[in-house]
Amino acid sequence: MAAKVKVLVVGLGNMGASHASAYHRNPGFEIVGLMSRSIKEKTIPAELKGYPLFEDFDEALRVTKPDAVSINSWPNSHAEYAIKAMNAGAHVFMEKPIATTIEDAEKVVAVARAKKRKLVLGYILRVHPSWMKFIELGQTLGKPLVMRLNLNQQSGGPTYDWHKNLIDSLIPIVDCGVHYVDVMCQLTGAKPVRVHGIGAKLWAEADKPNYGHLHVTFDDGSVGWYEAGWGPMMSEVAYFVKDVVGPKGAVSIVPNPKAHKDGVSDSSNIDQHTKTDAIQYHHAEVGPDRNFLRKDEIFTMTDEPGHQELCDREQAFFLKAINEDLDLGTQMDAAVNSLRIVLAAEQSINEERVVVLA
């Protein structure tokens, strides 16, 4: 039986606490420390009490000597922490995005390869059965594809300050966008060639545009758009669009019926960002009378995992990658590729032009 992997958990926000819970309950891991620059001000979840606490990353690395580091801090610290961890001999799980610049992202991947460290990125949709099915069905629609995806979040209650602070690191179409352009890249298997972005600043308390829209063209003729906005003013009408159209038909993820609870908007509920009720598969074939030959198929996604179970799956994969020495090159390159697209969209907004990718 393999020895337990000693893990240092960095960041105890929404994602960090969920990942820490996964490590706590997975018998293949042993948490050796929890680190956050403001950990003394945080309420430690009951199941995580008793673990050593640190407010300095370098000290935490030196004292705990971990086999692995889980990085769930603000995005502008990701690259620095990951490189320090791998240079100290640790494998790394890192919440998306891999960095805030392409240069830093490429450095992180280069260090992982040079040090032969496992680097797993928190692309949670890659372990989600509904999204895996969505991509599988979308790949049967022919080429080119038209992909329409969004995730607008109405910031209220606990997400108000979280979103406002997060914009200091990354605008919404960059932070959340890496998930969805990664889906586009998986659907097409093609190379992105042009990106255009538009944005608007609607939130006086945010320092950057809190709404954005990106358009990407691929070398197989496929096109996609992604829309994201955060803020107390965001509409919850059509905030959840997950749709791909091809010559042979269309595949759509249908969200669960929603309701506001306790004054907190449903779009800001992190458990709803991945939830689905069904996948609808529309077939485009028509007969001589121009009527459709096949009825739409409905794939009901019963017993699908919630947010915590998805985090559990991510950490189970991280453990498998370490213990079985999995080759993660494709996933690492995909993380850099998706970041390249969303950062090009931000560049397009700032420079008011279409960005051509090399």
Protein backbone atom coordinates (compact mmCIF):
# COMPACT_ATOMS: atom_id res chain seq x y z
CA MET A 1 0.00 0.00 0.00
CA ALA A 2 1.35 3.42 -1.00
CA ALA A 3 2.37 5.80 1.78
CA LYS A 4 0.05 8.68 2.45
CA VAL A 5 0.73 11.83 0.42
CA LYS A 6 1.47 14.70 2.80
CA VAL A 7 -0.37 17.77 1.50
CA LEU A 8 -0.17 21.45 2.41
CA VAL A 9 -3.42 23.29 1.62
CA VAL A 10 -3.07 26.93 0.60
CA GLY A 11 -6.18 29.10 0.68
CA LEU A 12 -9.39 28.39 2.61
CA GLY A 13 -11.99 30.18 0.51
CA ASN A 14 -14.86 28.45 -1.27
CA MET A 15 -12.63 26.15 -3.32
CA GLY A 16 -9.83 25.78 -0.77
CA ALA A 17 -12.17 24.61 1.98
CA SER A 18 -13.80 22.11 -0.38
CA HIS A 19 -10.45 20.70 -1.49
CA ALA A 20 -9.24 20.55 2.12
CA SER A 21 -12.35 18.57 3.01
CA ALA A 22 -11.58 16.17 0.17
CA TYR A 23 -8.02 15.62 1.46
CA HIS A 24 -9.28 15.24 5.03
CA ARG A 25 -11.61 12.40 4.04
CA ASN A 26 -9.38 10.69 1.46
CA PRO A 27 -7.27 7.98 3.18
CA GLY A 28 -4.52 8.46 0.59
CA PHE A 29 -3.74 11.99 1.84
CA GLU A 30 -2.50 13.43 5.12
CA ILE A 31 -2.96 17.18 5.63
CA VAL A 32 0.21 18.58 7.21
CA GLY A 33 -0.83 22.23 7.25
CA LEU A 34 -3.35 24.88 6.26
CA MET A 35 -2.00 28.19 4.99
CA SER A 36 -3.68 31.53 4.32
CA ARG A 37 -2.27 35.03 4.71
CA SER A 38 -5.28 35.86 6.89
CA ILE A 39 -5.87 32.47 8.49
CA LYS A 40 -6.06 33.93 12.02
CA GLU A 41 -9.14 35.89 10.93
CA LYS A 42 -10.88 32.87 9.41
CA THR A 43 -13.33 30.45 10.95
CA ILE A 44 -11.79 27.02 10.47
CA PRO A 45 -14.40 24.38 9.49
CA ALA A 46 -14.98 21.89 12.31
CA GLU A 47 -13.57 18.92 10.38
CA LEU A 48 -10.32 20.82 9.70
CA LYS A 49 -9.62 22.02 13.23
CA GLY A 50 -6.42 20.74 14.75
CA TYR A 51 -4.22 20.95 11.68
CA PRO A 52 -1.16 23.25 11.87
CA LEU A 53 -1.93 26.79 10.66
CA PHE A 54 0.41 29.11 8.76
CA GLU A 55 0.20 32.66 7.41
CA ASP A 56 3.50 32.60 5.49
CA PHE A 57 3.88 30.30 2.47
CA ASP A 58 7.66 29.94 2.66
CA GLU A 59 7.48 29.03 6.34
CA ALA A 60 4.72 26.52 5.69
CA LEU A 61 6.82 24.82 2.98
CA ARG A 62 9.90 24.72 5.18
CA VAL A 63 8.16 23.39 8.28
CA THR A 64 5.77 20.85 6.74
CA LYS A 65 8.01 19.50 3.93
CA PRO A 66 4.95 18.35 1.96
CA ASP A 67 4.79 15.79 -0.85
CA ALA A 68 2.08 17.91 -2.47
CA VAL A 69 0.75 21.46 -2.28
CA SER A 70 -2.85 22.42 -3.04
CA ILE A 71 -2.98 26.05 -4.24
CA ASN A 72 -6.40 27.69 -3.91
CA SER A 73 -5.36 31.29 -3.25
CA TRP A 74 -6.03 34.44 -5.29
CA PRO A 75 -5.01 33.94 -8.96
CA ASN A 76 -2.17 36.48 -8.84
CA SER A 77 -0.28 34.20 -6.41
CA HIS A 78 -0.73 30.93 -8.32
CA ALA A 79 2.44 30.91 -10.44
CA GLU A 80 4.75 32.05 -7.62
CA TYR A 81 3.42 29.47 -5.16
CA ALA A 82 3.42 26.64 -7.71
CA ILE A 83 7.02 27.23 -8.78
CA LYS A 84 8.22 27.45 -5.16
CA ALA A 85 6.35 24.25 -4.30
CA MET A 86 7.75 22.27 -7.22
CA ASN A 87 11.28 23.55 -6.57
CA ALA A 88 10.84 22.27 -3.00
CA GLY A 89 10.04 18.82 -4.38
CA ALA A 90 6.24 18.88 -4.13
CA HIS A 91 3.58 17.93 -6.64
CA VAL A 92 0.96 20.63 -7.19
CA PHE A 93 -2.79 20.79 -7.47
CA MET A 94 -3.77 24.30 -8.50
CA GLU A 95 -7.16 25.93 -8.87
CA LYS A 96 -7.65 27.59 -12.24
CA PRO A 97 -6.26 29.67 -13.78
CA ILE A 98 -2.68 28.43 -13.94
CA ALA A 99 -1.42 32.06 -13.84
CA THR A 100 -2.46 35.59 -14.74
CA THR A 101 -0.05 35.91 -17.71
CA ILE A 102 0.96 33.49 -20.46
CA GLU A 103 4.63 33.98 -19.59
CA ASP A 104 4.04 32.84 -16.01
CA ALA A 105 1.81 29.96 -17.15
CA GLU A 106 4.52 28.67 -19.46
CA LYS A 107 7.10 28.97 -16.66
CA VAL A 108 4.92 26.87 -14.34
CA VAL A 109 4.55 24.12 -16.95
CA ALA A 110 8.27 24.24 -17.78
CA VAL A 111 9.19 23.77 -14.11
CA ALA A 112 6.72 20.88 -13.76
CA ARG A 113 8.34 19.14 -16.73
CA ALA A 114 11.91 19.91 -15.66
CA LYS A 115 11.36 18.78 -12.06
CA LYS A 116 9.14 15.85 -13.10
CA ARG A 117 6.42 17.07 -10.74
CA LYS A 118 2.73 16.35 -11.23
CA LEU A 119 0.71 19.50 -11.97
CA VAL A 120 -3.07 19.06 -11.91
CA LEU A 121 -5.28 22.05 -12.70
CA GLY A 122 -8.72 22.52 -11.15
CA TYR A 123 -10.74 22.23 -14.35
CA ILE A 124 -13.73 20.82 -12.53
CA LEU A 125 -15.82 20.27 -15.68
CA ARG A 126 -13.29 17.66 -16.85
CA VAL A 127 -14.41 15.33 -14.02
CA HIS A 128 -18.13 16.11 -14.35
CA PRO A 129 -20.12 13.30 -16.03
CA SER A 130 -22.74 15.65 -17.50
CA TRP A 131 -20.13 17.87 -19.12
CA MET A 132 -18.21 14.84 -20.35
CA LYS A 133 -21.44 13.61 -21.99
CA PHE A 134 -22.13 17.09 -23.40
CA ILE A 135 -18.71 17.11 -25.09
CA GLU A 136 -19.09 13.52 -26.31
CA LEU A 137 -22.44 14.29 -27.95
CA GLY A 138 -21.24 17.65 -29.29
CA GLN A 139 -18.42 15.91 -31.11
CA THR A 140 -21.01 13.98 -33.18
CA LEU A 141 -22.59 17.11 -34.69
CA GLY A 142 -20.15 17.56 -37.59
CA LYS A 143 -18.09 20.63 -38.41
CA PRO A 144 -18.00 23.55 -38.08
CA LEU A 145 -19.50 24.02 -34.65
CA VAL A 146 -21.20 27.06 -33.14
CA MET A 147 -20.72 27.13 -29.35
CA ARG A 148 -22.73 29.37 -27.04
CA LEU A 149 -21.81 29.41 -23.35
CA ASN A 150 -22.27 31.79 -20.46
CA LEU A 151 -22.27 32.07 -16.68
CA ASN A 152 -23.54 35.35 -15.28
CA GLN A 153 -23.60 35.65 -11.49
CA GLN A 154 -25.66 38.04 -9.43
CA SER A 155 -23.44 39.09 -6.53
CA GLY A 156 -25.24 39.32 -3.22
CA GLY A 157 -24.73 38.20 0.35
CA PRO A 158 -21.52 36.20 0.77
CA THR A 159 -20.53 36.51 -2.91
CA TYR A 160 -20.63 40.33 -2.97
CA ASP A 161 -17.15 40.89 -1.53
CA TRP A 162 -15.78 37.66 -3.02
CA HIS A 163 -16.57 38.77 -6.58
CA LYS A 164 -15.48 42.36 -5.97
CA ASN A 165 -12.10 41.22 -4.62
CA LEU A 166 -11.63 38.59 -7.31
CA ILE A 167 -11.95 41.22 -10.06
CA ASP A 168 -8.77 42.80 -8.66
CA SER A 169 -6.94 39.72 -10.00
CA LEU A 170 -8.97 38.73 -13.04
CA ILE A 171 -12.08 39.94 -14.86
CA PRO A 172 -14.99 37.45 -15.11
CA ILE A 173 -14.41 36.32 -18.72
CA VAL A 174 -10.84 35.41 -17.77
CA ASP A 175 -11.42 33.80 -14.36
CA CYS A 176 -14.44 31.67 -15.29
CA GLY A 177 -13.79 31.73 -19.02
CA VAL A 178 -10.90 29.24 -18.90
CA HIS A 179 -13.40 26.47 -18.03
CA TYR A 180 -15.64 27.16 -20.99
CA VAL A 181 -13.08 27.85 -23.69
CA ASP A 182 -11.45 24.59 -22.54
CA VAL A 183 -14.79 22.93 -23.33
CA MET A 184 -14.78 24.63 -26.75
CA CYS A 185 -11.28 23.34 -27.45
CA GLN A 186 -12.30 19.81 -26.47
CA LEU A 187 -15.41 20.00 -28.66
CA THR A 188 -13.55 21.15 -31.75
CA GLY A 189 -10.10 19.63 -31.30
CA ALA A 190 -9.05 22.62 -33.40
CA LYS A 191 -6.59 25.50 -33.05
CA PRO A 192 -7.93 28.92 -31.95
CA VAL A 193 -6.87 31.61 -34.44
CA ARG A 194 -8.74 34.86 -33.64
CA VAL A 195 -10.26 36.34 -30.48
CA HIS A 196 -12.45 39.40 -29.99
CA GLY A 197 -13.70 40.74 -26.66
CA ILE A 198 -16.04 43.44 -25.43
CA GLY A 199 -16.53 44.58 -21.85
CA ALA A 200 -18.28 47.09 -19.64
CA LYS A 201 -17.78 48.44 -16.12
CA LEU A 202 -21.17 48.55 -14.42
CA TRP A 203 -20.02 48.17 -10.81
CA ALA A 204 -18.63 51.34 -9.22
CA GLU A 205 -16.91 49.34 -6.48
CA ALA A 206 -15.01 47.13 -8.93
CA ASP A 207 -11.73 48.34 -10.43
CA LYS A 208 -12.14 46.56 -13.78
CA PRO A 209 -14.95 45.63 -16.22
CA ASN A 210 -17.34 43.34 -14.38
CA TYR A 211 -19.05 42.22 -17.61
CA GLY A 212 -17.46 40.74 -20.70
CA HIS A 213 -18.15 38.81 -23.88
CA LEU A 214 -15.54 36.94 -25.91
CA HIS A 215 -15.68 35.49 -29.41
CA VAL A 216 -13.21 32.93 -30.68
CA THR A 217 -12.69 31.51 -34.18
CA PHE A 218 -10.99 28.15 -34.77
CA ASP A 219 -9.00 26.94 -37.77
CA ASP A 220 -11.71 24.41 -38.67
CA GLY A 221 -14.28 27.20 -39.11
CA SER A 222 -15.90 26.65 -35.72
CA VAL A 223 -16.86 29.72 -33.68
CA GLY A 224 -17.81 30.21 -30.06
CA TRP A 225 -18.82 32.89 -27.62
CA TYR A 226 -18.64 33.09 -23.85
CA GLU A 227 -20.33 35.69 -21.66
CA ALA A 228 -19.71 36.38 -17.98
CA GLY A 229 -20.68 39.11 -15.56
CA TRP A 230 -20.51 39.54 -11.80
CA GLY A 231 -22.20 42.16 -9.67
CA PRO A 232 -25.37 43.03 -7.77
CA MET A 233 -26.92 44.40 -10.95
CA MET A 234 -26.56 41.28 -13.10
CA SER A 235 -29.73 39.81 -14.57
CA GLU A 236 -30.64 36.21 -13.88
CA VAL A 237 -32.60 35.93 -17.14
CA ALA A 238 -30.71 33.54 -19.46
CA TYR A 239 -27.70 33.46 -17.16
CA PHE A 240 -27.16 29.75 -17.85
CA VAL A 241 -26.66 29.01 -21.56
CA LYS A 242 -24.73 25.87 -22.52
CA ASP A 243 -25.32 25.08 -26.18
CA VAL A 244 -23.44 23.67 -29.18
CA VAL A 245 -24.79 23.59 -32.74
CA GLY A 246 -23.40 21.73 -35.75
CA PRO A 247 -24.57 20.67 -39.24
CA LYS A 248 -26.21 17.56 -37.78
CA GLY A 249 -28.08 19.20 -34.91
CA ALA A 250 -27.62 20.71 -31.47
CA VAL A 251 -26.81 19.64 -27.92
CA SER A 252 -27.85 21.73 -24.92
CA ILE A 253 -27.42 21.47 -21.16
CA VAL A 254 -30.65 22.38 -19.38
CA PRO A 255 -30.30 23.84 -15.86
CA ASN A 256 -32.33 22.72 -12.90
CA PRO A 257 -35.38 24.78 -11.96
CA LYS A 258 -34.15 27.44 -9.56
CA ALA A 259 -35.46 29.58 -6.73
CA HIS A 260 -33.98 32.35 -4.62
CA LYS A 261 -33.26 31.33 -1.05
CA ASP A 262 -32.47 33.45 1.97
CA GLY A 263 -31.91 36.56 -0.14
CA VAL A 264 -28.96 35.04 -2.01
CA SER A 265 -29.31 34.82 -5.78
CA ASP A 266 -29.24 31.40 -7.37
CA SER A 267 -26.67 32.34 -10.01
CA SER A 268 -24.14 33.05 -7.25
CA ASN A 269 -24.67 29.62 -5.69
CA ILE A 270 -21.46 27.74 -6.50
CA ASP A 271 -23.26 24.39 -6.45
CA GLN A 272 -25.45 25.52 -9.36
CA HIS A 273 -22.59 26.41 -11.72
CA THR A 274 -22.19 22.80 -12.82
CA LYS A 275 -25.60 21.34 -12.01
CA THR A 276 -27.77 20.07 -14.87
CA ASP A 277 -31.20 18.57 -15.13
CA ALA A 278 -30.88 17.04 -18.60
CA ILE A 279 -29.02 17.14 -21.88
CA GLN A 280 -31.19 17.73 -24.95
CA TYR A 281 -29.96 16.34 -28.29
CA HIS A 282 -31.70 17.80 -31.33
CA HIS A 283 -31.30 15.95 -34.65
CA ALA A 284 -31.36 18.13 -37.78
CA GLU A 285 -32.34 15.51 -40.38
CA VAL A 286 -35.57 16.25 -42.26
CA GLY A 287 -37.60 14.16 -44.72
CA PRO A 288 -39.06 15.08 -48.11
CA ASP A 289 -41.86 16.95 -46.31
CA ARG A 290 -39.22 18.95 -44.36
CA ASN A 291 -40.41 17.51 -41.09
CA PHE A 292 -37.80 16.23 -38.67
CA LEU A 293 -37.13 12.51 -38.95
CA ARG A 294 -36.22 12.03 -35.28
CA LYS A 295 -37.55 13.48 -32.07
CA ASP A 296 -35.18 15.26 -29.74
CA GLU A 297 -33.48 12.92 -27.28
CA ILE A 298 -33.39 13.79 -23.59
CA PHE A 299 -30.57 12.42 -21.46
CA THR A 300 -31.66 12.75 -17.83
CA MET A 301 -28.67 13.28 -15.57
CA THR A 302 -29.79 11.63 -12.35
CA ASP A 303 -27.66 11.35 -9.21
CA GLU A 304 -25.05 13.67 -10.66
CA PRO A 305 -22.31 14.87 -8.31
CA GLY A 306 -22.60 18.09 -6.34
CA HIS A 307 -19.80 20.60 -5.89
CA GLN A 308 -18.09 18.79 -3.01
CA GLU A 309 -18.18 15.41 -4.75
CA LEU A 310 -16.61 17.00 -7.82
CA CYS A 311 -13.80 18.33 -5.64
CA ASP A 312 -13.44 14.83 -4.19
CA ARG A 313 -13.07 13.49 -7.73
CA GLU A 314 -10.43 16.05 -8.60
CA GLN A 315 -8.34 15.09 -5.58
CA ALA A 316 -8.80 11.38 -6.28
CA PHE A 317 -7.38 12.05 -9.75
CA PHE A 318 -4.50 14.07 -8.24
CA LEU A 319 -3.66 11.11 -5.98
CA LYS A 320 -3.86 8.71 -8.94
CA ALA A 321 -1.55 10.96 -11.00
CA ILE A 322 1.05 10.88 -8.20
CA ASN A 323 0.82 7.21 -7.33
CA GLU A 324 0.63 5.94 -10.92
CA ASP A 325 3.00 8.50 -12.49
CA LEU A 326 0.42 9.65 -15.06
CA ASP A 327 1.53 11.75 -18.03
CA LEU A 328 -0.23 15.11 -17.59
CA GLY A 329 1.35 16.89 -20.54
CA THR A 330 -1.87 17.21 -22.56
CA GLN A 331 -3.82 18.65 -19.61
CA MET A 332 -1.05 21.15 -18.77
CA ASP A 333 -0.87 22.36 -22.37
CA ALA A 334 -4.67 22.67 -22.48
CA ALA A 335 -4.59 24.89 -19.37
CA VAL A 336 -2.10 27.24 -21.03
CA ASN A 337 -4.13 27.22 -24.25
CA SER A 338 -7.41 28.17 -22.55
CA LEU A 339 -5.65 30.94 -20.63
CA ARG A 340 -4.16 32.25 -23.87
CA ILE A 341 -7.65 32.63 -25.36
CA VAL A 342 -9.24 34.46 -22.42
CA LEU A 343 -6.26 36.79 -21.96
CA ALA A 344 -6.46 37.60 -25.68
CA ALA A 345 -10.09 38.56 -25.09
CA GLU A 346 -9.04 40.94 -22.29
CA GLN A 347 -6.33 42.37 -24.56
CA SER A 348 -8.98 42.85 -27.26
CA ILE A 349 -11.16 44.81 -24.82
CA ASN A 350 -8.27 47.01 -23.72
CA GLU A 351 -6.91 47.65 -27.24
CA GLU A 352 -10.30 47.70 -29.03
CA ARG A 353 -9.20 45.30 -31.76
CA VAL A 354 -9.34 41.66 -32.82
CA VAL A 355 -6.35 39.68 -31.54
CA VAL A 356 -4.79 37.15 -33.92
CA LEU A 357 -3.21 34.19 -32.11
CA ALA A 358 0.19 32.96 -33.31
